[in-house]
Amino acid sequence: MSPHDLPTDSARPVSPDLLAEQAQAWIAWLASGAAEPERMQAFEHWLKQPGHRRAFEYERQLWKAVAQPPQRVTRPRRRRGPRLALAAAAVLALLWVSPEAWLRLRADHRSGSEVVTLALPDGSRAVLDADSAIAVDYSDAERGIRLLRGRAWFEVAPGHAQPFRVRAQGGVVEDIATAFAVADSAHGVDAEVSQGQIRVAATAEGGWTYLLAGQRAGFVRGGQVVRYDDLAPDRIAAWRDGELLLDAAPVRAAVDQIARYRSGPTFVRGDLSALSPVNAALRVDQPEQALDALAMSAGLRVTRLPLGVAIVSRAAAH
């Protein structure tokens, strides 16, 4: 069923199975990214009907649950196997067609090209860097966050019995009355402490490394926690204030960092590995100026095309 085929007049009741099918169709449509304004109005109208929001949230959680341990999800006993099998098949199809769509379904909060500040259910505060996403998994046992992409900084509300834990790439970062940042990238997971204390484990079974303010550590999936050089606490997660601090950063990595804050795509042409590492403090709340400043200092050329496209390459030798 396509959302374009869904009835907009919901005066008559529908069966639970048909309601579930409608909810699945809306989820697939929202995940596709093709959310036309007129259909969004129809979706909001559909969502307001009795029982529809509950059905939508149930199906959304079911889709999210396919990537989580089974004990995290509560489902009715009846038809559990067929429903889960259908959800798994739909998720696999979605992964094949669009990883971005799969991210939309799993994430509770996402950011585009700007930094986003969020209030969490327990009063904690989360700040998502550009191009980042988290899922919120609060329960009676813990205040859980899954970092699905990018970077996030957390200021944890005290006075709760449940521990505050951030999971990424199989590891755990646990709060001990603090503010801290976690980053998930292709190179692994990094954790930095702004204030207070945290503990970090590369696997869910523990093996904790404790960090105080200004201390940093990281791990790769299935590896071990490695300590990094300390950093002044006020330099941790400087992107929250619109700053990008580069310390002997490879030029390609610097370009990739700035690219996340641009509204248009950024492409790198050629090999930049021979260029000298850069040290700079750039304003990522002004990404175009930051890219130009990097180009000037690192010996790059930026070619801008329509639709916000930027092509970065080595400047011609004189």
Protein backbone atom coordinates (compact mmCIF):
# COMPACT_ATOMS: atom_id res chain seq x y z
CA MET A 1 0.00 0.00 0.00
CA SER A 2 1.25 3.47 -0.91
CA PRO A 3 0.45 6.53 1.24
CA HIS A 4 -1.04 8.07 -1.88
CA ASP A 5 -3.66 5.29 -1.77
CA LEU A 6 -4.52 5.78 1.90
CA PRO A 7 -8.02 7.10 2.68
CA THR A 8 -8.13 10.64 4.03
CA ASP A 9 -11.64 10.14 5.45
CA SER A 10 -11.22 7.99 8.57
CA ALA A 11 -14.82 8.21 9.83
CA ARG A 12 -15.34 4.47 9.67
CA PRO A 13 -13.21 2.16 11.86
CA VAL A 14 -10.60 -0.08 10.27
CA SER A 15 -9.35 -3.47 11.37
CA PRO A 16 -6.11 -3.68 13.40
CA ASP A 17 -4.33 -5.39 10.50
CA LEU A 18 -5.37 -2.70 8.02
CA LEU A 19 -4.39 0.01 10.51
CA ALA A 20 -0.96 -1.60 10.89
CA GLU A 21 -0.60 -1.74 7.11
CA GLN A 22 -1.46 1.95 6.84
CA ALA A 23 1.05 2.82 9.56
CA GLN A 24 3.78 0.84 7.75
CA ALA A 25 3.00 2.66 4.51
CA TRP A 26 3.32 6.04 6.20
CA ILE A 27 6.61 4.98 7.83
CA ALA A 28 8.06 3.91 4.49
CA TRP A 29 6.91 7.17 2.91
CA LEU A 30 8.43 9.33 5.65
CA ALA A 31 11.68 7.37 5.50
CA SER A 32 11.94 7.89 1.74
CA GLY A 33 12.52 11.62 2.24
CA ALA A 34 9.88 12.50 -0.37
CA ALA A 35 7.59 14.21 2.12
CA GLU A 36 5.48 16.55 -0.01
CA PRO A 37 3.67 19.24 2.02
CA GLU A 38 0.20 18.19 0.87
CA ARG A 39 0.82 14.57 1.82
CA MET A 40 2.29 15.68 5.15
CA GLN A 41 -1.03 17.36 5.90
CA ALA A 42 -2.81 14.14 5.05
CA PHE A 43 -0.43 12.22 7.33
CA GLU A 44 -1.09 14.61 10.23
CA HIS A 45 -4.84 14.24 9.65
CA TRP A 46 -4.49 10.44 9.63
CA LEU A 47 -2.37 10.55 12.81
CA LYS A 48 -5.07 12.46 14.73
CA GLN A 49 -7.66 9.74 14.27
CA PRO A 50 -8.42 7.52 17.31
CA GLY A 51 -5.87 4.76 17.71
CA HIS A 52 -3.74 5.85 14.76
CA ARG A 53 -0.87 7.45 16.69
CA ARG A 54 -0.55 4.37 18.89
CA ALA A 55 -0.46 2.11 15.82
CA PHE A 56 2.11 4.36 14.14
CA GLU A 57 4.42 4.40 17.18
CA TYR A 58 4.07 0.64 17.64
CA GLU A 59 5.06 -0.07 14.03
CA ARG A 60 7.91 2.45 14.19
CA GLN A 61 9.30 0.82 17.34
CA LEU A 62 8.93 -2.59 15.70
CA TRP A 63 11.04 -1.47 12.75
CA LYS A 64 13.63 0.03 15.11
CA ALA A 65 13.66 -3.15 17.18
CA VAL A 66 15.04 -5.26 14.33
CA ALA A 67 18.47 -3.72 14.98
CA GLN A 68 18.28 -4.10 18.79
CA PRO A 69 18.52 -7.00 21.22
CA PRO A 70 15.14 -8.75 21.44
CA GLN A 71 14.77 -8.18 25.19
CA ARG A 72 14.50 -4.44 24.63
CA VAL A 73 11.14 -4.74 22.90
CA THR A 74 7.74 -5.72 24.30
CA ARG A 75 5.36 -7.18 21.75
CA PRO A 76 1.97 -8.89 21.99
CA ARG A 77 2.31 -12.67 21.94
CA ARG A 78 -0.13 -13.17 19.09
CA ARG A 79 1.35 -13.19 15.57
CA ARG A 80 4.75 -12.20 16.95
CA GLY A 81 6.73 -14.29 14.49
CA PRO A 82 5.02 -13.18 11.25
CA ARG A 83 4.99 -9.49 12.25
CA LEU A 84 8.68 -9.53 13.16
CA ALA A 85 9.53 -11.40 9.98
CA LEU A 86 7.66 -8.83 7.90
CA ALA A 87 9.40 -5.98 9.71
CA ALA A 88 12.80 -7.60 9.16
CA ALA A 89 12.11 -8.08 5.46
CA ALA A 90 11.01 -4.46 5.14
CA VAL A 91 14.11 -3.24 6.95
CA LEU A 92 16.43 -5.29 4.74
CA ALA A 93 14.73 -3.88 1.66
CA LEU A 94 15.05 -0.37 3.06
CA LEU A 95 18.74 -0.86 3.85
CA TRP A 96 19.35 -2.02 0.30
CA VAL A 97 17.53 0.94 -1.23
CA SER A 98 18.52 3.74 1.15
CA PRO A 99 20.77 3.66 4.24
CA GLU A 100 19.57 7.20 4.93
CA ALA A 101 15.99 5.97 5.13
CA TRP A 102 17.04 3.30 7.63
CA LEU A 103 18.73 5.98 9.74
CA ARG A 104 15.53 8.06 9.73
CA LEU A 105 13.56 5.14 11.10
CA ARG A 106 16.03 4.34 13.87
CA ALA A 107 16.72 7.90 14.99
CA ASP A 108 14.60 9.89 17.41
CA HIS A 109 16.59 13.06 16.78
CA ARG A 110 18.73 14.08 13.77
CA SER A 111 20.59 17.20 12.71
CA GLY A 112 21.25 18.52 9.23
CA SER A 113 23.98 21.06 8.50
CA GLU A 114 23.52 22.87 11.82
CA VAL A 115 24.13 22.16 15.50
CA VAL A 116 20.92 21.22 17.35
CA THR A 117 20.19 21.45 21.11
CA LEU A 118 17.72 18.99 22.61
CA ALA A 119 16.00 18.52 25.97
CA LEU A 120 15.93 14.85 26.98
CA PRO A 121 13.05 13.29 28.98
CA ASP A 122 14.95 13.30 32.30
CA GLY A 123 15.96 16.96 32.07
CA SER A 124 19.39 16.25 30.61
CA ARG A 125 20.59 18.28 27.64
CA ALA A 126 22.01 16.94 24.39
CA VAL A 127 23.72 18.99 21.69
CA LEU A 128 24.03 17.25 18.31
CA ASP A 129 26.78 18.31 15.97
CA ALA A 130 25.87 18.71 12.30
CA ASP A 131 25.04 15.48 10.45
CA SER A 132 24.44 13.52 13.67
CA ALA A 133 21.68 11.27 14.99
CA ILE A 134 20.67 9.63 18.27
CA ALA A 135 17.98 7.25 19.49
CA VAL A 136 16.59 7.63 23.02
CA ASP A 137 16.05 4.34 24.87
CA TYR A 138 14.95 5.30 28.39
CA SER A 139 13.61 2.54 30.62
CA ASP A 140 13.20 1.63 34.28
CA ALA A 141 16.75 0.20 34.23
CA GLU A 142 18.70 2.99 32.52
CA ARG A 143 18.63 6.25 30.62
CA GLY A 144 20.00 4.93 27.36
CA ILE A 145 21.16 6.82 24.27
CA ARG A 146 22.38 5.24 21.04
CA LEU A 147 24.70 7.43 19.00
CA LEU A 148 23.83 6.42 15.45
CA ARG A 149 25.99 8.95 13.62
CA GLY A 150 28.25 11.92 14.22
CA ARG A 151 28.93 13.66 17.51
CA ALA A 152 26.91 14.62 20.55
CA TRP A 153 27.59 16.42 23.82
CA PHE A 154 25.58 15.59 26.92
CA GLU A 155 24.94 17.53 30.11
CA VAL A 156 23.42 14.93 32.39
CA ALA A 157 20.69 15.77 34.89
CA PRO A 158 21.58 14.50 38.38
CA GLY A 159 19.29 12.94 40.95
CA HIS A 160 18.16 9.88 38.98
CA ALA A 161 18.61 6.29 40.09
CA GLN A 162 18.99 5.04 36.51
CA PRO A 163 22.49 5.35 35.04
CA PHE A 164 22.96 7.49 31.92
CA ARG A 165 24.68 5.47 29.18
CA VAL A 166 25.62 6.24 25.58
CA ARG A 167 26.18 3.26 23.27
CA ALA A 168 28.10 3.28 19.99
CA GLN A 169 29.85 0.57 17.96
CA GLY A 170 29.31 -2.04 20.67
CA GLY A 171 30.84 0.05 23.45
CA VAL A 172 29.45 2.09 26.33
CA VAL A 173 30.15 5.54 27.76
CA GLU A 174 28.58 5.95 31.21
CA ASP A 175 28.05 9.18 33.07
CA ILE A 176 29.27 9.75 36.61
CA ALA A 177 27.75 13.22 37.26
CA THR A 178 29.27 15.06 34.34
CA ALA A 179 29.16 16.68 30.92
CA PHE A 180 30.87 14.87 28.08
CA ALA A 181 31.06 14.41 24.33
CA VAL A 182 30.95 11.21 22.26
CA ALA A 183 31.85 10.92 18.58
CA ASP A 184 31.10 8.01 16.23
CA SER A 185 33.04 7.82 12.96
CA ALA A 186 34.53 5.31 10.56
CA HIS A 187 37.69 5.40 12.68
CA GLY A 188 35.93 4.40 15.92
CA VAL A 189 34.36 6.05 18.95
CA ASP A 190 35.92 8.92 20.93
CA ALA A 191 34.86 10.22 24.35
CA GLU A 192 35.90 13.52 25.97
CA VAL A 193 35.00 14.94 29.38
CA SER A 194 34.04 18.60 29.82
CA GLN A 195 33.47 18.31 33.56
CA GLY A 196 33.02 15.61 36.19
CA GLN A 197 33.83 11.99 35.39
CA ILE A 198 32.80 9.21 33.02
CA ARG A 199 33.80 5.64 32.40
CA VAL A 200 34.28 4.03 29.01
CA ALA A 201 34.18 0.38 27.90
CA ALA A 202 34.78 -0.98 24.41
CA THR A 203 32.26 -3.79 24.96
CA ALA A 204 28.97 -4.12 26.78
CA GLU A 205 30.60 -6.46 29.31
CA GLY A 206 32.72 -3.64 30.76
CA GLY A 207 36.44 -3.39 31.39
CA TRP A 208 36.11 0.25 32.37
CA THR A 209 38.50 3.15 31.80
CA TYR A 210 37.74 6.17 34.00
CA LEU A 211 38.16 9.72 32.67
CA LEU A 212 38.13 13.08 34.44
CA ALA A 213 37.62 16.60 33.03
CA GLY A 214 39.95 17.27 30.11
CA GLN A 215 40.73 13.59 29.58
CA ARG A 216 39.95 11.70 26.37
CA ALA A 217 39.86 8.11 25.15
CA GLY A 218 38.61 6.06 22.23
CA PHE A 219 38.07 2.57 20.90
CA VAL A 220 37.24 0.67 17.74
CA ARG A 221 34.53 -1.97 17.58
CA GLY A 222 35.69 -5.08 19.40
CA GLY A 223 38.96 -3.44 20.47
CA GLN A 224 40.26 -1.88 23.66
CA VAL A 225 39.97 1.60 25.12
CA VAL A 226 42.99 3.79 24.34
CA ARG A 227 43.80 7.00 26.21
CA TYR A 228 44.59 10.17 24.21
CA ASP A 229 46.45 13.29 25.21
CA ASP A 230 44.54 15.53 27.59
CA LEU A 231 42.80 18.64 26.33
CA ALA A 232 41.75 21.85 28.07
CA PRO A 233 38.10 21.31 29.10
CA ASP A 234 36.97 24.51 27.35
CA ARG A 235 38.25 23.10 24.04
CA ILE A 236 36.15 19.96 24.25
CA ALA A 237 33.19 19.95 21.84
CA ALA A 238 34.04 23.48 20.72
CA TRP A 239 31.69 22.91 17.79
CA ARG A 240 28.85 23.64 20.23
CA ASP A 241 29.92 27.28 20.06
CA GLY A 242 30.48 27.27 16.29
CA GLU A 243 34.23 26.63 16.43
CA LEU A 244 36.30 23.99 14.65
CA LEU A 245 39.73 23.58 16.23
CA LEU A 246 42.25 21.82 14.02
CA ASP A 247 45.51 20.58 15.54
CA ALA A 248 47.87 19.11 12.94
CA ALA A 249 44.83 17.78 11.09
CA PRO A 250 45.24 16.11 7.68
CA VAL A 251 43.84 18.39 4.99
CA ARG A 252 41.34 15.84 3.72
CA ALA A 253 40.02 15.34 7.28
CA ALA A 254 39.71 19.12 7.70
CA VAL A 255 37.70 19.38 4.47
CA ASP A 256 35.41 16.56 5.64
CA GLN A 257 34.90 18.31 8.96
CA ILE A 258 33.81 21.55 7.30
CA ALA A 259 31.65 19.70 4.78
CA ARG A 260 29.28 18.48 7.46
CA TYR A 261 28.23 22.09 8.14
CA ARG A 262 27.58 22.99 4.50
CA SER A 263 24.04 22.78 3.17
CA GLY A 264 25.25 21.50 -0.22
CA PRO A 265 27.45 18.50 -1.12
CA THR A 266 31.24 18.77 -1.00
CA PHE A 267 33.45 16.70 -3.30
CA VAL A 268 37.23 16.23 -3.11
CA ARG A 269 39.09 15.79 -6.39
CA GLY A 270 42.53 14.28 -6.30
CA ASP A 271 44.86 13.16 -3.52
CA LEU A 272 45.41 15.66 -0.69
CA SER A 273 47.60 13.42 1.47
CA ALA A 274 50.86 15.12 0.43
CA LEU A 275 49.73 18.50 1.77
CA SER A 276 51.01 19.61 5.17
CA PRO A 277 48.69 19.15 8.16
CA VAL A 278 46.85 22.27 9.21
CA ASN A 279 46.45 24.13 12.49
CA ALA A 280 43.51 26.49 12.50
CA ALA A 281 40.51 27.80 14.41
CA LEU A 282 37.58 28.14 12.03
CA ARG A 283 33.97 29.25 12.42
CA VAL A 284 31.74 26.40 11.30
CA ASP A 285 28.65 28.53 11.77
CA GLN A 286 30.03 30.29 8.67
CA PRO A 287 31.02 27.19 6.68
CA GLU A 288 31.66 28.87 3.33
CA GLN A 289 34.13 31.32 4.88
CA ALA A 290 35.70 28.43 6.81
CA LEU A 291 36.20 26.44 3.61
CA ASP A 292 37.77 29.45 1.89
CA ALA A 293 40.07 30.07 4.85
CA LEU A 294 41.18 26.44 4.83
CA ALA A 295 41.78 26.59 1.09
CA MET A 296 43.95 29.67 1.44
CA SER A 297 46.09 28.23 4.23
CA ALA A 298 46.37 24.66 2.90
CA GLY A 299 46.89 25.32 -0.81
CA LEU A 300 43.49 24.29 -2.10
CA ARG A 301 41.14 25.49 -4.79
CA VAL A 302 37.37 25.57 -4.25
CA THR A 303 35.07 25.49 -7.28
CA ARG A 304 31.47 26.27 -6.49
CA LEU A 305 28.62 25.09 -8.70
CA PRO A 306 24.83 25.55 -8.59
CA LEU A 307 22.76 23.85 -5.88
CA GLY A 308 25.47 24.46 -3.29
CA VAL A 309 27.97 22.01 -4.77
CA ALA A 310 31.62 22.63 -3.88
CA ILE A 311 34.56 20.81 -5.51
CA VAL A 312 37.83 20.94 -3.56
CA SER A 313 41.16 20.16 -5.20
CA ARG A 314 44.83 21.10 -4.90
CA ALA A 315 45.65 24.56 -6.14
CA ALA A 316 47.69 24.74 -9.31
CA ALA A 317 51.42 25.20 -8.70
CA HIS A 318 52.86 28.54 -9.74
